[in-house]
Amino acid sequence: MNLTRTTEEQSSFCVVVNAEGQYSLWNSDLPIPSGWRETGMTGNKRACIDYVDQVWTDMRPASLRQRQ
């Protein structure tokens, strides 16, 4: 088994979102970067990816979505 994969599976991630409504996974052990906020979702990488797949249905930045 790949050491990186094993480490990722054991790591805890949180889902963060920025003002444009763009989502990202962030390692829970690190401080949240400026311009991003936590969504409340934490878990292993797979669970966080599944969450993002459910909630981020329109990949366009909010500024583009609001023009329509």
PDB file of N, CA and C in Angstrom:
ATOM      1  N   MET A   1       0.842  -1.185   0.000  1.00  0.00           N
ATOM      2  CA  MET A   1       0.000   0.000   0.000  1.00  0.00           C
ATOM      3  C   MET A   1       0.884   1.244   0.000  1.00  0.00           C
ATOM      4  N   ASN A   2       0.430   2.237  -0.654  1.00  0.00           N
ATOM      5  CA  ASN A   2       1.125   3.508  -0.758  1.00  0.00           C
ATOM      6  C   ASN A   2       1.070   4.250   0.581  1.00  0.00           C
ATOM      7  N   LEU A   3       2.210   4.707   1.078  1.00  0.00           N
ATOM      8  CA  LEU A   3       2.262   5.407   2.360  1.00  0.00           C
ATOM      9  C   LEU A   3       1.432   6.683   2.332  1.00  0.00           C
ATOM     10  N   THR A   4       1.465   7.419   1.227  1.00  0.00           N
ATOM     11  CA  THR A   4       0.681   8.647   1.115  1.00  0.00           C
ATOM     12  C   THR A   4      -0.802   8.338   1.205  1.00  0.00           C
ATOM     13  N   ARG A   5      -1.253   7.312   0.520  1.00  0.00           N
ATOM     14  CA  ARG A   5      -2.668   6.943   0.560  1.00  0.00           C
ATOM     15  C   ARG A   5      -3.077   6.566   1.981  1.00  0.00           C
ATOM     16  N   THR A   6      -2.252   5.788   2.666  1.00  0.00           N
ATOM     17  CA  THR A   6      -2.554   5.393   4.039  1.00  0.00           C
ATOM     18  C   THR A   6      -2.649   6.618   4.936  1.00  0.00           C
ATOM     19  N   THR A   7      -1.734   7.546   4.793  1.00  0.00           N
ATOM     20  CA  THR A   7      -1.747   8.773   5.587  1.00  0.00           C
ATOM     21  C   THR A   7      -3.004   9.582   5.303  1.00  0.00           C
ATOM     22  N   GLU A   8      -3.404   9.715   4.042  1.00  0.00           N
ATOM     23  CA  GLU A   8      -4.611  10.458   3.684  1.00  0.00           C
ATOM     24  C   GLU A   8      -5.852   9.807   4.268  1.00  0.00           C
ATOM     25  N   GLU A   9      -5.912   8.487   4.248  1.00  0.00           N
ATOM     26  CA  GLU A   9      -7.074   7.782   4.775  1.00  0.00           C
ATOM     27  C   GLU A   9      -7.200   7.968   6.279  1.00  0.00           C
ATOM     28  N   GLN A  10      -6.089   8.142   6.966  1.00  0.00           N
ATOM     29  CA  GLN A  10      -6.104   8.306   8.413  1.00  0.00           C
ATOM     30  C   GLN A  10      -6.215   9.770   8.828  1.00  0.00           C
ATOM     31  N   SER A  11      -5.974  10.675   7.925  1.00  0.00           N
ATOM     32  CA  SER A  11      -6.010  12.103   8.236  1.00  0.00           C
ATOM     33  C   SER A  11      -7.445  12.592   8.340  1.00  0.00           C
ATOM     34  N   SER A  12      -7.623  13.663   9.075  1.00  0.00           N
ATOM     35  CA  SER A  12      -8.920  14.309   9.192  1.00  0.00           C
ATOM     36  C   SER A  12      -8.900  15.591   8.363  1.00  0.00           C
ATOM     37  N   PHE A  13      -9.944  15.778   7.587  1.00  0.00           N
ATOM     38  CA  PHE A  13     -10.066  16.953   6.739  1.00  0.00           C
ATOM     39  C   PHE A  13     -11.315  17.727   7.120  1.00  0.00           C
ATOM     40  N   CYS A  14     -11.339  18.994   6.760  1.00  0.00           N
ATOM     41  CA  CYS A  14     -12.559  19.783   6.863  1.00  0.00           C
ATOM     42  C   CYS A  14     -12.822  20.392   5.490  1.00  0.00           C
ATOM     43  N   VAL A  15     -14.092  20.657   5.243  1.00  0.00           N
ATOM     44  CA  VAL A  15     -14.476  21.296   3.992  1.00  0.00           C
ATOM     45  C   VAL A  15     -14.576  22.791   4.259  1.00  0.00           C
ATOM     46  N   VAL A  16     -13.929  23.572   3.416  1.00  0.00           N
ATOM     47  CA  VAL A  16     -13.960  25.027   3.539  1.00  0.00           C
ATOM     48  C   VAL A  16     -14.569  25.624   2.272  1.00  0.00           C
ATOM     49  N   VAL A  17     -15.085  26.839   2.402  1.00  0.00           N
ATOM     50  CA  VAL A  17     -15.694  27.529   1.267  1.00  0.00           C
ATOM     51  C   VAL A  17     -15.254  28.988   1.307  1.00  0.00           C
ATOM     52  N   ASN A  18     -15.090  29.591   0.124  1.00  0.00           N
ATOM     53  CA  ASN A  18     -14.692  31.005   0.074  1.00  0.00           C
ATOM     54  C   ASN A  18     -15.889  31.871  -0.310  1.00  0.00           C
ATOM     55  N   ALA A  19     -15.684  33.164  -0.417  1.00  0.00           N
ATOM     56  CA  ALA A  19     -16.764  34.107  -0.710  1.00  0.00           C
ATOM     57  C   ALA A  19     -17.389  33.874  -2.078  1.00  0.00           C
ATOM     58  N   GLU A  20     -16.670  33.239  -2.979  1.00  0.00           N
ATOM     59  CA  GLU A  20     -17.190  32.941  -4.317  1.00  0.00           C
ATOM     60  C   GLU A  20     -17.961  31.621  -4.350  1.00  0.00           C
ATOM     61  N   GLY A  21     -18.088  30.971  -3.194  1.00  0.00           N
ATOM     62  CA  GLY A  21     -18.819  29.715  -3.134  1.00  0.00           C
ATOM     63  C   GLY A  21     -18.036  28.527  -3.665  1.00  0.00           C
ATOM     64  N   GLN A  22     -16.722  28.652  -3.702  1.00  0.00           N
ATOM     65  CA  GLN A  22     -15.860  27.565  -4.165  1.00  0.00           C
ATOM     66  C   GLN A  22     -15.427  26.746  -2.953  1.00  0.00           C
ATOM     67  N   TYR A  23     -15.498  25.434  -3.080  1.00  0.00           N
ATOM     68  CA  TYR A  23     -15.205  24.526  -1.970  1.00  0.00           C
ATOM     69  C   TYR A  23     -13.823  23.916  -2.106  1.00  0.00           C
ATOM     70  N   SER A  24     -13.257  23.542  -0.961  1.00  0.00           N
ATOM     71  CA  SER A  24     -11.961  22.876  -0.942  1.00  0.00           C
ATOM     72  C   SER A  24     -11.866  22.025   0.317  1.00  0.00           C
ATOM     73  N   LEU A  25     -10.987  21.031   0.273  1.00  0.00           N
ATOM     74  CA  LEU A  25     -10.670  20.232   1.452  1.00  0.00           C
ATOM     75  C   LEU A  25      -9.424  20.812   2.090  1.00  0.00           C
ATOM     76  N   TRP A  26      -9.418  20.815   3.418  1.00  0.00           N
ATOM     77  CA  TRP A  26      -8.284  21.361   4.140  1.00  0.00           C
ATOM     78  C   TRP A  26      -7.948  20.426   5.289  1.00  0.00           C
ATOM     79  N   ASN A  27      -6.681  20.195   5.513  1.00  0.00           N
ATOM     80  CA  ASN A  27      -6.256  19.341   6.613  1.00  0.00           C
ATOM     81  C   ASN A  27      -6.709  19.964   7.931  1.00  0.00           C
ATOM     82  N   SER A  28      -7.402  19.187   8.750  1.00  0.00           N
ATOM     83  CA  SER A  28      -7.952  19.705  10.010  1.00  0.00           C
ATOM     84  C   SER A  28      -6.890  20.160  10.998  1.00  0.00           C
ATOM     85  N   ASP A  29      -5.670  19.702  10.827  1.00  0.00           N
ATOM     86  CA  ASP A  29      -4.588  20.087  11.737  1.00  0.00           C
ATOM     87  C   ASP A  29      -4.001  21.461  11.418  1.00  0.00           C
ATOM     88  N   LEU A  30      -4.381  22.037  10.295  1.00  0.00           N
ATOM     89  CA  LEU A  30      -3.816  23.322   9.866  1.00  0.00           C
ATOM     90  C   LEU A  30      -4.824  24.445  10.069  1.00  0.00           C
ATOM     91  N   PRO A  31      -4.355  25.676  10.302  1.00  0.00           N
ATOM     92  CA  PRO A  31      -5.277  26.807  10.414  1.00  0.00           C
ATOM     93  C   PRO A  31      -5.953  27.080   9.068  1.00  0.00           C
ATOM     94  N   ILE A  32      -7.199  27.516   9.129  1.00  0.00           N
ATOM     95  CA  ILE A  32      -7.953  27.833   7.912  1.00  0.00           C
ATOM     96  C   ILE A  32      -7.329  29.072   7.274  1.00  0.00           C
ATOM     97  N   PRO A  33      -7.069  29.032   5.968  1.00  0.00           N
ATOM     98  CA  PRO A  33      -6.447  30.188   5.314  1.00  0.00           C
ATOM     99  C   PRO A  33      -7.393  31.386   5.238  1.00  0.00           C
ATOM    100  N   SER A  34      -6.818  32.544   5.168  1.00  0.00           N
ATOM    101  CA  SER A  34      -7.583  33.778   5.044  1.00  0.00           C
ATOM    102  C   SER A  34      -8.473  33.717   3.808  1.00  0.00           C
ATOM    103  N   GLY A  35      -9.700  34.180   3.957  1.00  0.00           N
ATOM    104  CA  GLY A  35     -10.633  34.195   2.836  1.00  0.00           C
ATOM    105  C   GLY A  35     -11.482  32.940   2.732  1.00  0.00           C
ATOM    106  N   TRP A  36     -11.255  31.988   3.596  1.00  0.00           N
ATOM    107  CA  TRP A  36     -12.013  30.738   3.609  1.00  0.00           C
ATOM    108  C   TRP A  36     -12.681  30.580   4.968  1.00  0.00           C
ATOM    109  N   ARG A  37     -13.805  29.851   5.000  1.00  0.00           N
ATOM    110  CA  ARG A  37     -14.468  29.563   6.274  1.00  0.00           C
ATOM    111  C   ARG A  37     -14.880  28.095   6.294  1.00  0.00           C
ATOM    112  N   GLU A  38     -14.978  27.541   7.483  1.00  0.00           N
ATOM    113  CA  GLU A  38     -15.381  26.149   7.624  1.00  0.00           C
ATOM    114  C   GLU A  38     -16.870  25.994   7.328  1.00  0.00           C
ATOM    115  N   THR A  39     -17.235  24.866   6.744  1.00  0.00           N
ATOM    116  CA  THR A  39     -18.641  24.566   6.470  1.00  0.00           C
ATOM    117  C   THR A  39     -19.274  23.754   7.581  1.00  0.00           C
ATOM    118  N   GLY A  40     -18.457  23.188   8.456  1.00  0.00           N
ATOM    119  CA  GLY A  40     -18.952  22.310   9.507  1.00  0.00           C
ATOM    120  C   GLY A  40     -18.766  20.840   9.188  1.00  0.00           C
ATOM    121  N   MET A  41     -18.366  20.529   7.969  1.00  0.00           N
ATOM    122  CA  MET A  41     -18.130  19.143   7.572  1.00  0.00           C
ATOM    123  C   MET A  41     -16.684  18.772   7.844  1.00  0.00           C
ATOM    124  N   THR A  42     -16.479  17.737   8.642  1.00  0.00           N
ATOM    125  CA  THR A  42     -15.149  17.186   8.869  1.00  0.00           C
ATOM    126  C   THR A  42     -15.235  15.675   8.755  1.00  0.00           C
ATOM    127  N   GLY A  43     -14.142  15.065   8.383  1.00  0.00           N
ATOM    128  CA  GLY A  43     -14.103  13.608   8.271  1.00  0.00           C
ATOM    129  C   GLY A  43     -12.896  13.172   7.479  1.00  0.00           C
ATOM    130  N   ASN A  44     -12.926  11.919   7.026  1.00  0.00           N
ATOM    131  CA  ASN A  44     -11.824  11.450   6.194  1.00  0.00           C
ATOM    132  C   ASN A  44     -11.965  12.055   4.799  1.00  0.00           C
ATOM    133  N   LYS A  45     -10.964  11.876   3.990  1.00  0.00           N
ATOM    134  CA  LYS A  45     -10.940  12.516   2.673  1.00  0.00           C
ATOM    135  C   LYS A  45     -12.143  12.114   1.824  1.00  0.00           C
ATOM    136  N   ARG A  46     -12.478  10.825   1.796  1.00  0.00           N
ATOM    137  CA  ARG A  46     -13.587  10.339   0.973  1.00  0.00           C
ATOM    138  C   ARG A  46     -14.908  10.965   1.401  1.00  0.00           C
ATOM    139  N   ALA A  47     -15.160  11.038   2.706  1.00  0.00           N
ATOM    140  CA  ALA A  47     -16.407  11.622   3.201  1.00  0.00           C
ATOM    141  C   ALA A  47     -16.504  13.097   2.825  1.00  0.00           C
ATOM    142  N   CYS A  48     -15.396  13.815   2.910  1.00  0.00           N
ATOM    143  CA  CYS A  48     -15.400  15.240   2.562  1.00  0.00           C
ATOM    144  C   CYS A  48     -15.606  15.443   1.064  1.00  0.00           C
ATOM    145  N   ILE A  49     -14.991  14.605   0.251  1.00  0.00           N
ATOM    146  CA  ILE A  49     -15.198  14.696  -1.201  1.00  0.00           C
ATOM    147  C   ILE A  49     -16.658  14.424  -1.536  1.00  0.00           C
ATOM    148  N   ASP A  50     -17.249  13.418  -0.911  1.00  0.00           N
ATOM    149  CA  ASP A  50     -18.659  13.105  -1.150  1.00  0.00           C
ATOM    150  C   ASP A  50     -19.549  14.286  -0.773  1.00  0.00           C
ATOM    151  N   TYR A  51     -19.239  14.959   0.336  1.00  0.00           N
ATOM    152  CA  TYR A  51     -20.000  16.128   0.761  1.00  0.00           C
ATOM    153  C   TYR A  51     -19.903  17.245  -0.278  1.00  0.00           C
ATOM    154  N   VAL A  52     -18.693  17.530  -0.735  1.00  0.00           N
ATOM    155  CA  VAL A  52     -18.496  18.581  -1.744  1.00  0.00           C
ATOM    156  C   VAL A  52     -19.266  18.239  -3.016  1.00  0.00           C
ATOM    157  N   ASP A  53     -19.240  16.977  -3.422  1.00  0.00           N
ATOM    158  CA  ASP A  53     -19.986  16.555  -4.612  1.00  0.00           C
ATOM    159  C   ASP A  53     -21.480  16.832  -4.464  1.00  0.00           C
ATOM    160  N   GLN A  54     -22.014  16.718  -3.255  1.00  0.00           N
ATOM    161  CA  GLN A  54     -23.441  16.952  -3.017  1.00  0.00           C
ATOM    162  C   GLN A  54     -23.803  18.431  -3.005  1.00  0.00           C
ATOM    163  N   VAL A  55     -22.958  19.250  -2.404  1.00  0.00           N
ATOM    164  CA  VAL A  55     -23.334  20.653  -2.199  1.00  0.00           C
ATOM    165  C   VAL A  55     -22.832  21.612  -3.272  1.00  0.00           C
ATOM    166  N   TRP A  56     -21.762  21.268  -3.975  1.00  0.00           N
ATOM    167  CA  TRP A  56     -21.193  22.184  -4.973  1.00  0.00           C
ATOM    168  C   TRP A  56     -21.654  21.736  -6.348  1.00  0.00           C
ATOM    169  N   THR A  57     -22.871  22.115  -6.678  1.00  0.00           N
ATOM    170  CA  THR A  57     -23.483  21.652  -7.924  1.00  0.00           C
ATOM    171  C   THR A  57     -23.228  22.586  -9.099  1.00  0.00           C
ATOM    172  N   ASP A  58     -22.839  23.813  -8.839  1.00  0.00           N
ATOM    173  CA  ASP A  58     -22.553  24.781  -9.899  1.00  0.00           C
ATOM    174  C   ASP A  58     -21.139  25.301  -9.678  1.00  0.00           C
ATOM    175  N   MET A  59     -20.224  24.905 -10.545  1.00  0.00           N
ATOM    176  CA  MET A  59     -18.811  25.220 -10.351  1.00  0.00           C
ATOM    177  C   MET A  59     -18.453  26.679 -10.636  1.00  0.00           C
ATOM    178  N   ARG A  60     -19.379  27.429 -11.206  1.00  0.00           N
ATOM    179  CA  ARG A  60     -19.067  28.829 -11.502  1.00  0.00           C
ATOM    180  C   ARG A  60     -18.928  29.635 -10.213  1.00  0.00           C
ATOM    181  N   PRO A  61     -18.005  30.591 -10.177  1.00  0.00           N
ATOM    182  CA  PRO A  61     -17.900  31.466  -9.009  1.00  0.00           C
ATOM    183  C   PRO A  61     -19.211  32.231  -8.798  1.00  0.00           C
ATOM    184  N   ALA A  62     -19.507  32.584  -7.569  1.00  0.00           N
ATOM    185  CA  ALA A  62     -20.749  33.286  -7.240  1.00  0.00           C
ATOM    186  C   ALA A  62     -20.910  34.563  -8.061  1.00  0.00           C
ATOM    187  N   SER A  63     -19.821  35.271  -8.323  1.00  0.00           N
ATOM    188  CA  SER A  63     -19.912  36.520  -9.088  1.00  0.00           C
ATOM    189  C   SER A  63     -20.440  36.271 -10.501  1.00  0.00           C
ATOM    190  N   LEU A  64     -20.151  35.142 -11.088  1.00  0.00           N
ATOM    191  CA  LEU A  64     -20.696  34.813 -12.409  1.00  0.00           C
ATOM    192  C   LEU A  64     -22.138  34.340 -12.316  1.00  0.00           C
ATOM    193  N   ARG A  65     -22.474  33.579 -11.291  1.00  0.00           N
ATOM    194  CA  ARG A  65     -23.847  33.084 -11.130  1.00  0.00           C
ATOM    195  C   ARG A  65     -24.803  34.238 -10.897  1.00  0.00           C
ATOM    196  N   GLN A  66     -24.364  35.283 -10.204  1.00  0.00           N
ATOM    197  CA  GLN A  66     -25.232  36.405  -9.864  1.00  0.00           C
ATOM    198  C   GLN A  66     -25.519  37.302 -11.057  1.00  0.00           C
ATOM    199  N   ARG A  67     -24.737  37.215 -12.112  1.00  0.00           N
ATOM    200  CA  ARG A  67     -24.944  38.056 -13.302  1.00  0.00           C
ATOM    201  C   ARG A  67     -26.168  37.631 -14.095  1.00  0.00           C
ATOM    202  N   GLN A  68     -26.584  36.401 -13.926  1.00  0.00           N
ATOM    203  CA  GLN A  68     -27.701  35.892 -14.734  1.00  0.00           C
ATOM    204  C   GLN A  68     -29.022  36.220 -14.122  1.00  0.00           C
TER     205      GLN A  68
END
